[in-house]
């Protein structure tokens, strides 16, 4: 996967989470429903894991995620 494709998926995830708490299945469906051929379930999982591991996103309950202040800053950089 190319860097630009990773950035597109990360940006899509962070934009959805910036609207509030989002459940995992809703997040996955919306991201993989984009018209990008590289937006598969596996790539979504990898990018969400990256965002979690780097504290851009946090899990607030089982299957519910939210963006962190660090994630807001990162989202601006991806623009």
C-alpha atoms as a PDB file:
ATOM      1  CA  UNK A   1       0.000   0.000   0.000  1.00  0.00           C
ATOM      2  CA  UNK A   2       1.296   3.418  -0.913  1.00  0.00           C
ATOM      3  CA  UNK A   3       1.724   6.252   1.560  1.00  0.00           C
ATOM      4  CA  UNK A   4      -0.967   8.343  -0.125  1.00  0.00           C
ATOM      5  CA  UNK A   5      -3.493   5.510   0.123  1.00  0.00           C
ATOM      6  CA  UNK A   6      -2.707   5.060   3.816  1.00  0.00           C
ATOM      7  CA  UNK A   7      -3.175   8.770   4.384  1.00  0.00           C
ATOM      8  CA  UNK A   8      -6.542   8.741   2.599  1.00  0.00           C
ATOM      9  CA  UNK A   9      -7.842   5.923   4.792  1.00  0.00           C
ATOM     10  CA  UNK A  10      -6.468   7.461   7.979  1.00  0.00           C
ATOM     11  CA  UNK A  11      -8.000  10.806   7.088  1.00  0.00           C
ATOM     12  CA  UNK A  12     -11.392   9.176   6.407  1.00  0.00           C
ATOM     13  CA  UNK A  13     -11.318   7.388   9.766  1.00  0.00           C
ATOM     14  CA  UNK A  14     -10.307  10.523  11.663  1.00  0.00           C
ATOM     15  CA  UNK A  15     -12.931  12.670   9.933  1.00  0.00           C
ATOM     16  CA  UNK A  16     -15.690  10.271  10.929  1.00  0.00           C
ATOM     17  CA  UNK A  17     -14.461  10.105  14.498  1.00  0.00           C
ATOM     18  CA  UNK A  18     -14.216  13.887  14.738  1.00  0.00           C
ATOM     19  CA  UNK A  19     -18.035  13.997  14.639  1.00  0.00           C
ATOM     20  CA  UNK A  20     -18.248  12.036  17.902  1.00  0.00           C
ATOM     21  CA  UNK A  21     -18.080   8.480  19.215  1.00  0.00           C
ATOM     22  CA  UNK A  22     -18.442   5.949  16.428  1.00  0.00           C
ATOM     23  CA  UNK A  23     -19.050   2.213  16.652  1.00  0.00           C
ATOM     24  CA  UNK A  24     -16.537  -0.040  14.909  1.00  0.00           C
ATOM     25  CA  UNK A  25     -18.999  -1.602  12.444  1.00  0.00           C
ATOM     26  CA  UNK A  26     -20.371   1.778  11.347  1.00  0.00           C
ATOM     27  CA  UNK A  27     -16.855   3.093  10.903  1.00  0.00           C
ATOM     28  CA  UNK A  28     -15.771   0.053   8.899  1.00  0.00           C
ATOM     29  CA  UNK A  29     -18.816   0.131   6.610  1.00  0.00           C
ATOM     30  CA  UNK A  30     -18.447   3.821   5.821  1.00  0.00           C
ATOM     31  CA  UNK A  31     -14.716   3.653   5.156  1.00  0.00           C
ATOM     32  CA  UNK A  32     -14.861   0.518   3.005  1.00  0.00           C
ATOM     33  CA  UNK A  33     -17.879   1.887   1.102  1.00  0.00           C
ATOM     34  CA  UNK A  34     -15.748   4.654  -0.409  1.00  0.00           C
ATOM     35  CA  UNK A  35     -14.994   4.310  -4.091  1.00  0.00           C
ATOM     36  CA  UNK A  36     -11.344   3.530  -3.451  1.00  0.00           C
ATOM     37  CA  UNK A  37     -10.284   0.080  -4.558  1.00  0.00           C
ATOM     38  CA  UNK A  38      -7.720  -0.110  -1.760  1.00  0.00           C
ATOM     39  CA  UNK A  39     -10.350   0.489   0.973  1.00  0.00           C
ATOM     40  CA  UNK A  40     -10.810  -3.113   2.038  1.00  0.00           C
ATOM     41  CA  UNK A  41     -11.675  -4.527   5.437  1.00  0.00           C
ATOM     42  CA  UNK A  42      -8.083  -5.604   6.041  1.00  0.00           C
ATOM     43  CA  UNK A  43      -6.601  -2.242   5.129  1.00  0.00           C
ATOM     44  CA  UNK A  44      -9.180  -0.539   7.330  1.00  0.00           C
ATOM     45  CA  UNK A  45      -8.207  -2.765  10.279  1.00  0.00           C
ATOM     46  CA  UNK A  46      -4.508  -2.069   9.777  1.00  0.00           C
ATOM     47  CA  UNK A  47      -5.020   1.681   9.607  1.00  0.00           C
ATOM     48  CA  UNK A  48      -7.291   1.730  12.658  1.00  0.00           C
ATOM     49  CA  UNK A  49      -4.672  -0.316  14.547  1.00  0.00           C
ATOM     50  CA  UNK A  50      -2.000   2.219  13.510  1.00  0.00           C
ATOM     51  CA  UNK A  51      -4.149   5.094  14.758  1.00  0.00           C
ATOM     52  CA  UNK A  52      -4.808   3.291  18.052  1.00  0.00           C
ATOM     53  CA  UNK A  53      -1.155   2.337  18.596  1.00  0.00           C
ATOM     54  CA  UNK A  54      -0.036   5.928  18.048  1.00  0.00           C
ATOM     55  CA  UNK A  55      -2.747   7.420  20.319  1.00  0.00           C
ATOM     56  CA  UNK A  56      -4.555   9.271  17.522  1.00  0.00           C
ATOM     57  CA  UNK A  57      -7.704   7.313  18.391  1.00  0.00           C
ATOM     58  CA  UNK A  58      -8.848   5.754  21.633  1.00  0.00           C
ATOM     59  CA  UNK A  59     -11.314   3.059  22.498  1.00  0.00           C
ATOM     60  CA  UNK A  60     -13.935   4.390  24.933  1.00  0.00           C
ATOM     61  CA  UNK A  61     -16.077   1.253  25.192  1.00  0.00           C
ATOM     62  CA  UNK A  62     -16.319  -2.110  23.530  1.00  0.00           C
ATOM     63  CA  UNK A  63     -16.353  -1.384  19.806  1.00  0.00           C
ATOM     64  CA  UNK A  64     -16.677   2.387  20.298  1.00  0.00           C
ATOM     65  CA  UNK A  65     -13.878   4.760  19.320  1.00  0.00           C
ATOM     66  CA  UNK A  66     -13.181   8.463  19.509  1.00  0.00           C
ATOM     67  CA  UNK A  67     -10.506  10.777  18.193  1.00  0.00           C
ATOM     68  CA  UNK A  68      -7.941  12.232  20.596  1.00  0.00           C
ATOM     69  CA  UNK A  69      -6.530  15.787  20.582  1.00  0.00           C
ATOM     70  CA  UNK A  70      -3.365  14.295  19.065  1.00  0.00           C
ATOM     71  CA  UNK A  71      -5.576  12.764  16.366  1.00  0.00           C
ATOM     72  CA  UNK A  72      -7.122  16.145  15.559  1.00  0.00           C
ATOM     73  CA  UNK A  73      -3.638  17.570  15.036  1.00  0.00           C
ATOM     74  CA  UNK A  74      -2.662  14.610  12.864  1.00  0.00           C
ATOM     75  CA  UNK A  75      -5.825  14.973  10.804  1.00  0.00           C
ATOM     76  CA  UNK A  76      -4.863  18.545   9.929  1.00  0.00           C
ATOM     77  CA  UNK A  77      -1.472  17.333   8.731  1.00  0.00           C
ATOM     78  CA  UNK A  78      -3.104  14.797   6.408  1.00  0.00           C
ATOM     79  CA  UNK A  79      -4.992  17.484   4.507  1.00  0.00           C
END
